[in-house]
Amino acid sequence: MNKKHLALSLAFASTALLGGCGGGDDPAPPAPPAPAPADPLAAVPDSARQSIDGLIGYLKTLAANKSDTREPIDLTGLALPRSDSAEPSPL
């Protein structure tokens, strides 16, 4: 092989190698979905711990928003409010 053919072969080989490099035009991966918002009824709110009306309101909201997929509510350490002077409230 003479020098002309060798130089031409090297030029084509280097062109082919450089042509295979690069690219990188892949689209960016999609953003992960946003996490689901926390269940506002998953914990007993302070208003339900402080007054009977707050507790009844929470229970009514909880009963109106039934869900088979909701996690159980943690009632550890829950002390329900009491009143000796308040009239019974209709449920």
PDB file of N, CA and C in Angstrom:
ATOM      1  N   MET A   1       0.847  -1.149   0.000  1.00  0.00           N
ATOM      2  CA  MET A   1       0.000   0.000   0.000  1.00  0.00           C
ATOM      3  C   MET A   1       0.906   1.228   0.000  1.00  0.00           C
ATOM      4  N   ASN A   2       0.584   2.140  -0.820  1.00  0.00           N
ATOM      5  CA  ASN A   2       1.419   3.330  -0.845  1.00  0.00           C
ATOM      6  C   ASN A   2       0.896   4.354   0.155  1.00  0.00           C
ATOM      7  N   LYS A   3       1.666   5.415   0.308  1.00  0.00           N
ATOM      8  CA  LYS A   3       1.348   6.431   1.302  1.00  0.00           C
ATOM      9  C   LYS A   3       0.032   7.139   0.998  1.00  0.00           C
ATOM     10  N   LYS A   4      -0.303   7.278  -0.269  1.00  0.00           N
ATOM     11  CA  LYS A   4      -1.550   7.965  -0.645  1.00  0.00           C
ATOM     12  C   LYS A   4      -2.770   7.162  -0.195  1.00  0.00           C
ATOM     13  N   HIS A   5      -2.719   5.842  -0.440  1.00  0.00           N
ATOM     14  CA  HIS A   5      -3.840   4.982  -0.016  1.00  0.00           C
ATOM     15  C   HIS A   5      -3.943   4.903   1.508  1.00  0.00           C
ATOM     16  N   LEU A   6      -2.789   4.868   2.178  1.00  0.00           N
ATOM     17  CA  LEU A   6      -2.774   4.806   3.632  1.00  0.00           C
ATOM     18  C   LEU A   6      -3.357   6.084   4.241  1.00  0.00           C
ATOM     19  N   ALA A   7      -2.974   7.237   3.695  1.00  0.00           N
ATOM     20  CA  ALA A   7      -3.487   8.508   4.197  1.00  0.00           C
ATOM     21  C   ALA A   7      -4.986   8.614   3.951  1.00  0.00           C
ATOM     22  N   LEU A   8      -5.424   8.175   2.758  1.00  0.00           N
ATOM     23  CA  LEU A   8      -6.851   8.219   2.421  1.00  0.00           C
ATOM     24  C   LEU A   8      -7.644   7.271   3.331  1.00  0.00           C
ATOM     25  N   SER A   9      -7.110   6.088   3.601  1.00  0.00           N
ATOM     26  CA  SER A   9      -7.776   5.128   4.484  1.00  0.00           C
ATOM     27  C   SER A   9      -7.876   5.669   5.905  1.00  0.00           C
ATOM     28  N   LEU A  10      -6.789   6.294   6.370  1.00  0.00           N
ATOM     29  CA  LEU A  10      -6.815   6.874   7.706  1.00  0.00           C
ATOM     30  C   LEU A  10      -7.828   8.026   7.789  1.00  0.00           C
ATOM     31  N   ALA A  11      -7.942   8.808   6.732  1.00  0.00           N
ATOM     32  CA  ALA A  11      -8.900   9.919   6.722  1.00  0.00           C
ATOM     33  C   ALA A  11     -10.330   9.393   6.792  1.00  0.00           C
ATOM     34  N   PHE A  12     -10.638   8.341   6.014  1.00  0.00           N
ATOM     35  CA  PHE A  12     -11.989   7.769   6.052  1.00  0.00           C
ATOM     36  C   PHE A  12     -12.279   7.104   7.405  1.00  0.00           C
ATOM     37  N   ALA A  13     -11.280   6.409   7.946  1.00  0.00           N
ATOM     38  CA  ALA A  13     -11.476   5.744   9.237  1.00  0.00           C
ATOM     39  C   ALA A  13     -11.711   6.770  10.344  1.00  0.00           C
ATOM     40  N   SER A  14     -10.923   7.836  10.337  1.00  0.00           N
ATOM     41  CA  SER A  14     -11.109   8.844  11.387  1.00  0.00           C
ATOM     42  C   SER A  14     -12.443   9.569  11.218  1.00  0.00           C
ATOM     43  N   THR A  15     -12.868   9.789   9.975  1.00  0.00           N
ATOM     44  CA  THR A  15     -14.162  10.413   9.725  1.00  0.00           C
ATOM     45  C   THR A  15     -15.293   9.511  10.224  1.00  0.00           C
ATOM     46  N   ALA A  16     -15.167   8.214   9.975  1.00  0.00           N
ATOM     47  CA  ALA A  16     -16.196   7.273  10.418  1.00  0.00           C
ATOM     48  C   ALA A  16     -16.240   7.206  11.941  1.00  0.00           C
ATOM     49  N   LEU A  17     -15.075   7.214  12.598  1.00  0.00           N
ATOM     50  CA  LEU A  17     -15.049   7.170  14.063  1.00  0.00           C
ATOM     51  C   LEU A  17     -15.639   8.433  14.668  1.00  0.00           C
ATOM     52  N   LEU A  18     -15.292   9.574  14.110  1.00  0.00           N
ATOM     53  CA  LEU A  18     -15.827  10.826  14.640  1.00  0.00           C
ATOM     54  C   LEU A  18     -17.322  10.975  14.351  1.00  0.00           C
ATOM     55  N   GLY A  19     -17.769  10.417  13.247  1.00  0.00           N
ATOM     56  CA  GLY A  19     -19.197  10.477  12.912  1.00  0.00           C
ATOM     57  C   GLY A  19     -20.037   9.667  13.887  1.00  0.00           C
ATOM     58  N   GLY A  20     -19.465   8.603  14.456  1.00  0.00           N
ATOM     59  CA  GLY A  20     -20.188   7.782  15.415  1.00  0.00           C
ATOM     60  C   GLY A  20     -20.269   8.426  16.790  1.00  0.00           C
ATOM     61  N   CYS A  21     -19.411   9.381  17.061  1.00  0.00           N
ATOM     62  CA  CYS A  21     -19.417  10.058  18.354  1.00  0.00           C
ATOM     63  C   CYS A  21     -20.459  11.167  18.351  1.00  0.00           C
ATOM     64  N   GLY A  22     -20.684  11.699  19.490  1.00  0.00           N
ATOM     65  CA  GLY A  22     -21.589  12.853  19.570  1.00  0.00           C
ATOM     66  C   GLY A  22     -23.023  12.416  19.680  1.00  0.00           C
ATOM     67  N   GLY A  23     -23.877  13.104  19.004  1.00  0.00           N
ATOM     68  CA  GLY A  23     -25.306  12.838  19.142  1.00  0.00           C
ATOM     69  C   GLY A  23     -25.775  13.537  20.396  1.00  0.00           C
ATOM     70  N   GLY A  24     -26.184  12.769  21.340  1.00  0.00           N
ATOM     71  CA  GLY A  24     -26.620  13.336  22.600  1.00  0.00           C
ATOM     72  C   GLY A  24     -27.867  14.184  22.475  1.00  0.00           C
ATOM     73  N   ASP A  25     -28.620  13.999  21.434  1.00  0.00           N
ATOM     74  CA  ASP A  25     -29.834  14.781  21.247  1.00  0.00           C
ATOM     75  C   ASP A  25     -31.058  14.086  21.835  1.00  0.00           C
ATOM     76  N   ASP A  26     -30.805  13.139  22.727  1.00  0.00           N
ATOM     77  CA  ASP A  26     -31.925  12.454  23.364  1.00  0.00           C
ATOM     78  C   ASP A  26     -32.694  13.455  24.214  1.00  0.00           C
ATOM     79  N   PRO A  27     -34.010  13.388  24.177  1.00  0.00           N
ATOM     80  CA  PRO A  27     -34.780  14.315  25.023  1.00  0.00           C
ATOM     81  C   PRO A  27     -34.529  13.996  26.492  1.00  0.00           C
ATOM     82  N   ALA A  28     -34.681  15.001  27.312  1.00  0.00           N
ATOM     83  CA  ALA A  28     -34.503  14.821  28.754  1.00  0.00           C
ATOM     84  C   ALA A  28     -35.594  13.879  29.269  1.00  0.00           C
ATOM     85  N   PRO A  29     -35.263  13.050  30.247  1.00  0.00           N
ATOM     86  CA  PRO A  29     -36.296  12.145  30.774  1.00  0.00           C
ATOM     87  C   PRO A  29     -37.429  12.953  31.391  1.00  0.00           C
ATOM     88  N   PRO A  30     -38.645  12.439  31.323  1.00  0.00           N
ATOM     89  CA  PRO A  30     -39.773  13.187  31.900  1.00  0.00           C
ATOM     90  C   PRO A  30     -39.611  13.326  33.406  1.00  0.00           C
ATOM     91  N   ALA A  31     -40.125  14.407  33.916  1.00  0.00           N
ATOM     92  CA  ALA A  31     -40.059  14.663  35.356  1.00  0.00           C
ATOM     93  C   ALA A  31     -40.935  13.644  36.079  1.00  0.00           C
ATOM     94  N   PRO A  32     -40.499  13.196  37.241  1.00  0.00           N
ATOM     95  CA  PRO A  32     -41.331  12.245  37.987  1.00  0.00           C
ATOM     96  C   PRO A  32     -42.634  12.915  38.393  1.00  0.00           C
ATOM     97  N   PRO A  33     -43.694  12.123  38.530  1.00  0.00           N
ATOM     98  CA  PRO A  33     -44.975  12.723  38.924  1.00  0.00           C
ATOM     99  C   PRO A  33     -44.885  13.327  40.319  1.00  0.00           C
ATOM    100  N   ALA A  34     -45.659  14.354  40.523  1.00  0.00           N
ATOM    101  CA  ALA A  34     -45.676  15.027  41.825  1.00  0.00           C
ATOM    102  C   ALA A  34     -46.261  14.077  42.867  1.00  0.00           C
ATOM    103  N   PRO A  35     -45.735  14.089  44.077  1.00  0.00           N
ATOM    104  CA  PRO A  35     -46.289  13.206  45.104  1.00  0.00           C
ATOM    105  C   PRO A  35     -47.724  13.606  45.441  1.00  0.00           C
ATOM    106  N   ALA A  36     -48.490  12.615  45.805  1.00  0.00           N
ATOM    107  CA  ALA A  36     -49.885  12.879  46.173  1.00  0.00           C
ATOM    108  C   ALA A  36     -49.928  13.746  47.427  1.00  0.00           C
ATOM    109  N   PRO A  37     -50.866  14.659  47.477  1.00  0.00           N
ATOM    110  CA  PRO A  37     -50.941  15.496  48.684  1.00  0.00           C
ATOM    111  C   PRO A  37     -51.307  14.646  49.900  1.00  0.00           C
ATOM    112  N   ALA A  38     -50.831  15.077  51.029  1.00  0.00           N
ATOM    113  CA  ALA A  38     -51.119  14.346  52.260  1.00  0.00           C
ATOM    114  C   ALA A  38     -52.617  14.387  52.548  1.00  0.00           C
ATOM    115  N   ASP A  39     -53.120  13.314  53.109  1.00  0.00           N
ATOM    116  CA  ASP A  39     -54.539  13.226  53.445  1.00  0.00           C
ATOM    117  C   ASP A  39     -54.816  14.118  54.656  1.00  0.00           C
ATOM    118  N   PRO A  40     -55.613  15.186  54.484  1.00  0.00           N
ATOM    119  CA  PRO A  40     -55.860  16.086  55.616  1.00  0.00           C
ATOM    120  C   PRO A  40     -56.667  15.432  56.730  1.00  0.00           C
ATOM    121  N   LEU A  41     -57.308  14.327  56.437  1.00  0.00           N
ATOM    122  CA  LEU A  41     -58.112  13.656  57.460  1.00  0.00           C
ATOM    123  C   LEU A  41     -57.352  12.515  58.134  1.00  0.00           C
ATOM    124  N   ALA A  42     -56.066  12.327  57.793  1.00  0.00           N
ATOM    125  CA  ALA A  42     -55.302  11.196  58.319  1.00  0.00           C
ATOM    126  C   ALA A  42     -54.976  11.351  59.803  1.00  0.00           C
ATOM    127  N   ALA A  43     -54.967  12.562  60.294  1.00  0.00           N
ATOM    128  CA  ALA A  43     -54.677  12.789  61.708  1.00  0.00           C
ATOM    129  C   ALA A  43     -55.786  13.646  62.308  1.00  0.00           C
ATOM    130  N   VAL A  44     -56.030  13.434  63.562  1.00  0.00           N
ATOM    131  CA  VAL A  44     -57.063  14.204  64.256  1.00  0.00           C
ATOM    132  C   VAL A  44     -56.541  15.635  64.428  1.00  0.00           C
ATOM    133  N   PRO A  45     -57.264  16.643  63.914  1.00  0.00           N
ATOM    134  CA  PRO A  45     -56.776  18.022  64.031  1.00  0.00           C
ATOM    135  C   PRO A  45     -56.886  18.544  65.461  1.00  0.00           C
ATOM    136  N   ASP A  46     -56.157  19.619  65.729  1.00  0.00           N
ATOM    137  CA  ASP A  46     -56.177  20.217  67.066  1.00  0.00           C
ATOM    138  C   ASP A  46     -57.574  20.711  67.444  1.00  0.00           C
ATOM    139  N   SER A  47     -58.332  21.187  66.457  1.00  0.00           N
ATOM    140  CA  SER A  47     -59.679  21.684  66.770  1.00  0.00           C
ATOM    141  C   SER A  47     -60.566  20.568  67.328  1.00  0.00           C
ATOM    142  N   ALA A  48     -60.351  19.338  66.851  1.00  0.00           N
ATOM    143  CA  ALA A  48     -61.140  18.206  67.351  1.00  0.00           C
ATOM    144  C   ALA A  48     -60.677  17.771  68.732  1.00  0.00           C
ATOM    145  N   ARG A  49     -59.459  18.098  69.087  1.00  0.00           N
ATOM    146  CA  ARG A  49     -58.939  17.747  70.409  1.00  0.00           C
ATOM    147  C   ARG A  49     -59.337  18.775  71.466  1.00  0.00           C
ATOM    148  N   GLN A  50     -59.672  19.993  71.021  1.00  0.00           N
ATOM    149  CA  GLN A  50     -59.912  21.081  71.962  1.00  0.00           C
ATOM    150  C   GLN A  50     -61.379  21.304  72.296  1.00  0.00           C
ATOM    151  N   SER A  51     -62.279  20.996  71.360  1.00  0.00           N
ATOM    152  CA  SER A  51     -63.697  21.254  71.642  1.00  0.00           C
ATOM    153  C   SER A  51     -64.563  20.147  71.071  1.00  0.00           C
ATOM    154  N   ILE A  52     -65.724  20.012  71.674  1.00  0.00           N
ATOM    155  CA  ILE A  52     -66.666  19.002  71.205  1.00  0.00           C
ATOM    156  C   ILE A  52     -67.171  19.353  69.810  1.00  0.00           C
ATOM    157  N   ASP A  53     -67.438  20.648  69.572  1.00  0.00           N
ATOM    158  CA  ASP A  53     -67.900  21.065  68.238  1.00  0.00           C
ATOM    159  C   ASP A  53     -66.839  20.761  67.183  1.00  0.00           C
ATOM    160  N   GLY A  54     -65.568  20.967  67.518  1.00  0.00           N
ATOM    161  CA  GLY A  54     -64.487  20.647  66.586  1.00  0.00           C
ATOM    162  C   GLY A  54     -64.410  19.163  66.302  1.00  0.00           C
ATOM    163  N   LEU A  55     -64.614  18.336  67.339  1.00  0.00           N
ATOM    164  CA  LEU A  55     -64.605  16.885  67.178  1.00  0.00           C
ATOM    165  C   LEU A  55     -65.769  16.432  66.299  1.00  0.00           C
ATOM    166  N   ILE A  56     -66.955  16.975  66.551  1.00  0.00           N
ATOM    167  CA  ILE A  56     -68.123  16.595  65.753  1.00  0.00           C
ATOM    168  C   ILE A  56     -67.931  17.019  64.300  1.00  0.00           C
ATOM    169  N   GLY A  57     -67.377  18.202  64.088  1.00  0.00           N
ATOM    170  CA  GLY A  57     -67.100  18.653  62.719  1.00  0.00           C
ATOM    171  C   GLY A  57     -66.120  17.740  62.007  1.00  0.00           C
ATOM    172  N   TYR A  58     -65.078  17.317  62.707  1.00  0.00           N
ATOM    173  CA  TYR A  58     -64.101  16.397  62.116  1.00  0.00           C
ATOM    174  C   TYR A  58     -64.744  15.056  61.790  1.00  0.00           C
ATOM    175  N   LEU A  59     -65.566  14.531  62.698  1.00  0.00           N
ATOM    176  CA  LEU A  59     -66.217  13.243  62.450  1.00  0.00           C
ATOM    177  C   LEU A  59     -67.198  13.320  61.279  1.00  0.00           C
ATOM    178  N   LYS A  60     -67.911  14.439  61.152  1.00  0.00           N
ATOM    179  CA  LYS A  60     -68.826  14.607  60.020  1.00  0.00           C
ATOM    180  C   LYS A  60     -68.045  14.657  58.708  1.00  0.00           C
ATOM    181  N   THR A  61     -66.941  15.381  58.706  1.00  0.00           N
ATOM    182  CA  THR A  61     -66.103  15.456  57.494  1.00  0.00           C
ATOM    183  C   THR A  61     -65.531  14.094  57.161  1.00  0.00           C
ATOM    184  N   LEU A  62     -65.094  13.369  58.170  1.00  0.00           N
ATOM    185  CA  LEU A  62     -64.539  12.039  57.965  1.00  0.00           C
ATOM    186  C   LEU A  62     -65.595  11.082  57.410  1.00  0.00           C
ATOM    187  N   ALA A  63     -66.812  11.161  57.928  1.00  0.00           N
ATOM    188  CA  ALA A  63     -67.891  10.287  57.456  1.00  0.00           C
ATOM    189  C   ALA A  63     -68.314  10.638  56.036  1.00  0.00           C
ATOM    190  N   ALA A  64     -68.229  11.915  55.673  1.00  0.00           N
ATOM    191  CA  ALA A  64     -68.628  12.334  54.327  1.00  0.00           C
ATOM    192  C   ALA A  64     -67.586  11.966  53.276  1.00  0.00           C
ATOM    193  N   ASN A  65     -66.348  11.736  53.697  1.00  0.00           N
ATOM    194  CA  ASN A  65     -65.258  11.433  52.761  1.00  0.00           C
ATOM    195  C   ASN A  65     -64.737  10.025  52.992  1.00  0.00           C
ATOM    196  N   LYS A  66     -65.612   9.053  52.865  1.00  0.00           N
ATOM    197  CA  LYS A  66     -65.215   7.662  53.073  1.00  0.00           C
ATOM    198  C   LYS A  66     -64.268   7.226  51.962  1.00  0.00           C
ATOM    199  N   SER A  67     -63.327   6.374  52.323  1.00  0.00           N
ATOM    200  CA  SER A  67     -62.385   5.862  51.353  1.00  0.00           C
ATOM    201  C   SER A  67     -61.894   4.503  51.805  1.00  0.00           C
ATOM    202  N   ASP A  68     -61.889   3.550  50.872  1.00  0.00           N
ATOM    203  CA  ASP A  68     -61.395   2.214  51.194  1.00  0.00           C
ATOM    204  C   ASP A  68     -59.872   2.156  51.139  1.00  0.00           C
ATOM    205  N   THR A  69     -59.248   3.186  50.568  1.00  0.00           N
ATOM    206  CA  THR A  69     -57.800   3.171  50.420  1.00  0.00           C
ATOM    207  C   THR A  69     -57.094   4.021  51.468  1.00  0.00           C
ATOM    208  N   ARG A  70     -57.829   4.707  52.312  1.00  0.00           N
ATOM    209  CA  ARG A  70     -57.228   5.568  53.332  1.00  0.00           C
ATOM    210  C   ARG A  70     -56.591   4.697  54.421  1.00  0.00           C
ATOM    211  N   GLU A  71     -55.451   5.150  54.897  1.00  0.00           N
ATOM    212  CA  GLU A  71     -54.779   4.468  55.992  1.00  0.00           C
ATOM    213  C   GLU A  71     -55.572   4.679  57.282  1.00  0.00           C
ATOM    214  N   PRO A  72     -55.466   3.758  58.227  1.00  0.00           N
ATOM    215  CA  PRO A  72     -56.161   3.939  59.503  1.00  0.00           C
ATOM    216  C   PRO A  72     -55.641   5.175  60.239  1.00  0.00           C
ATOM    217  N   ILE A  73     -56.508   5.801  60.989  1.00  0.00           N
ATOM    218  CA  ILE A  73     -56.149   6.999  61.740  1.00  0.00           C
ATOM    219  C   ILE A  73     -55.510   6.569  63.055  1.00  0.00           C
ATOM    220  N   ASP A  74     -54.371   7.190  63.368  1.00  0.00           N
ATOM    221  CA  ASP A  74     -53.671   6.874  64.605  1.00  0.00           C
ATOM    222  C   ASP A  74     -54.316   7.636  65.761  1.00  0.00           C
ATOM    223  N   LEU A  75     -54.912   6.911  66.689  1.00  0.00           N
ATOM    224  CA  LEU A  75     -55.585   7.524  67.836  1.00  0.00           C
ATOM    225  C   LEU A  75     -54.774   7.381  69.112  1.00  0.00           C
ATOM    226  N   THR A  76     -53.488   7.074  68.979  1.00  0.00           N
ATOM    227  CA  THR A  76     -52.625   6.915  70.143  1.00  0.00           C
ATOM    228  C   THR A  76     -52.554   8.223  70.920  1.00  0.00           C
ATOM    229  N   GLY A  77     -52.857   8.157  72.180  1.00  0.00           N
ATOM    230  CA  GLY A  77     -52.759   9.334  73.040  1.00  0.00           C
ATOM    231  C   GLY A  77     -53.856  10.353  72.840  1.00  0.00           C
ATOM    232  N   LEU A  78     -54.917  10.000  72.131  1.00  0.00           N
ATOM    233  CA  LEU A  78     -56.008  10.943  71.898  1.00  0.00           C
ATOM    234  C   LEU A  78     -56.907  11.006  73.133  1.00  0.00           C
ATOM    235  N   ALA A  79     -57.094  12.188  73.660  1.00  0.00           N
ATOM    236  CA  ALA A  79     -58.027  12.423  74.757  1.00  0.00           C
ATOM    237  C   ALA A  79     -59.148  13.291  74.198  1.00  0.00           C
ATOM    238  N   LEU A  80     -60.324  12.727  74.096  1.00  0.00           N
ATOM    239  CA  LEU A  80     -61.450  13.457  73.525  1.00  0.00           C
ATOM    240  C   LEU A  80     -61.935  14.530  74.495  1.00  0.00           C
ATOM    241  N   PRO A  81     -62.367  15.664  73.959  1.00  0.00           N
ATOM    242  CA  PRO A  81     -62.855  16.740  74.836  1.00  0.00           C
ATOM    243  C   PRO A  81     -64.189  16.347  75.465  1.00  0.00           C
ATOM    244  N   ARG A  82     -64.429  16.870  76.670  1.00  0.00           N
ATOM    245  CA  ARG A  82     -65.682  16.605  77.390  1.00  0.00           C
ATOM    246  C   ARG A  82     -66.229  17.916  77.921  1.00  0.00           C
ATOM    247  N   SER A  83     -67.521  17.922  78.057  1.00  0.00           N
ATOM    248  CA  SER A  83     -68.161  19.086  78.647  1.00  0.00           C
ATOM    249  C   SER A  83     -69.318  18.611  79.513  1.00  0.00           C
ATOM    250  N   ASP A  84     -69.325  19.067  80.728  1.00  0.00           N
ATOM    251  CA  ASP A  84     -70.414  18.712  81.641  1.00  0.00           C
ATOM    252  C   ASP A  84     -71.581  19.670  81.508  1.00  0.00           C
ATOM    253  N   SER A  85     -71.359  20.809  80.876  1.00  0.00           N
ATOM    254  CA  SER A  85     -72.410  21.816  80.814  1.00  0.00           C
ATOM    255  C   SER A  85     -73.030  21.955  79.420  1.00  0.00           C
ATOM    256  N   ALA A  86     -72.400  21.409  78.400  1.00  0.00           N
ATOM    257  CA  ALA A  86     -72.917  21.581  77.036  1.00  0.00           C
ATOM    258  C   ALA A  86     -74.114  20.648  76.790  1.00  0.00           C
ATOM    259  N   GLU A  87     -75.038  21.120  75.966  1.00  0.00           N
ATOM    260  CA  GLU A  87     -76.180  20.323  75.580  1.00  0.00           C
ATOM    261  C   GLU A  87     -75.746  19.303  74.515  1.00  0.00           C
ATOM    262  N   PRO A  88     -76.409  18.160  74.421  1.00  0.00           N
ATOM    263  CA  PRO A  88     -76.073  17.206  73.386  1.00  0.00           C
ATOM    264  C   PRO A  88     -76.263  17.805  71.991  1.00  0.00           C
ATOM    265  N   SER A  89     -75.346  17.479  71.101  1.00  0.00           N
ATOM    266  CA  SER A  89     -75.414  17.981  69.728  1.00  0.00           C
ATOM    267  C   SER A  89     -75.961  16.886  68.832  1.00  0.00           C
ATOM    268  N   PRO A  90     -76.827  17.236  67.901  1.00  0.00           N
ATOM    269  CA  PRO A  90     -77.321  16.207  66.973  1.00  0.00           C
ATOM    270  C   PRO A  90     -76.196  15.811  66.005  1.00  0.00           C
ATOM    271  N   LEU A  91     -76.152  14.540  65.703  1.00  0.00           N
ATOM    272  CA  LEU A  91     -75.180  14.055  64.735  1.00  0.00           C
ATOM    273  C   LEU A  91     -75.884  13.937  63.429  1.00  0.00           C
TER     274      LEU A  91
END
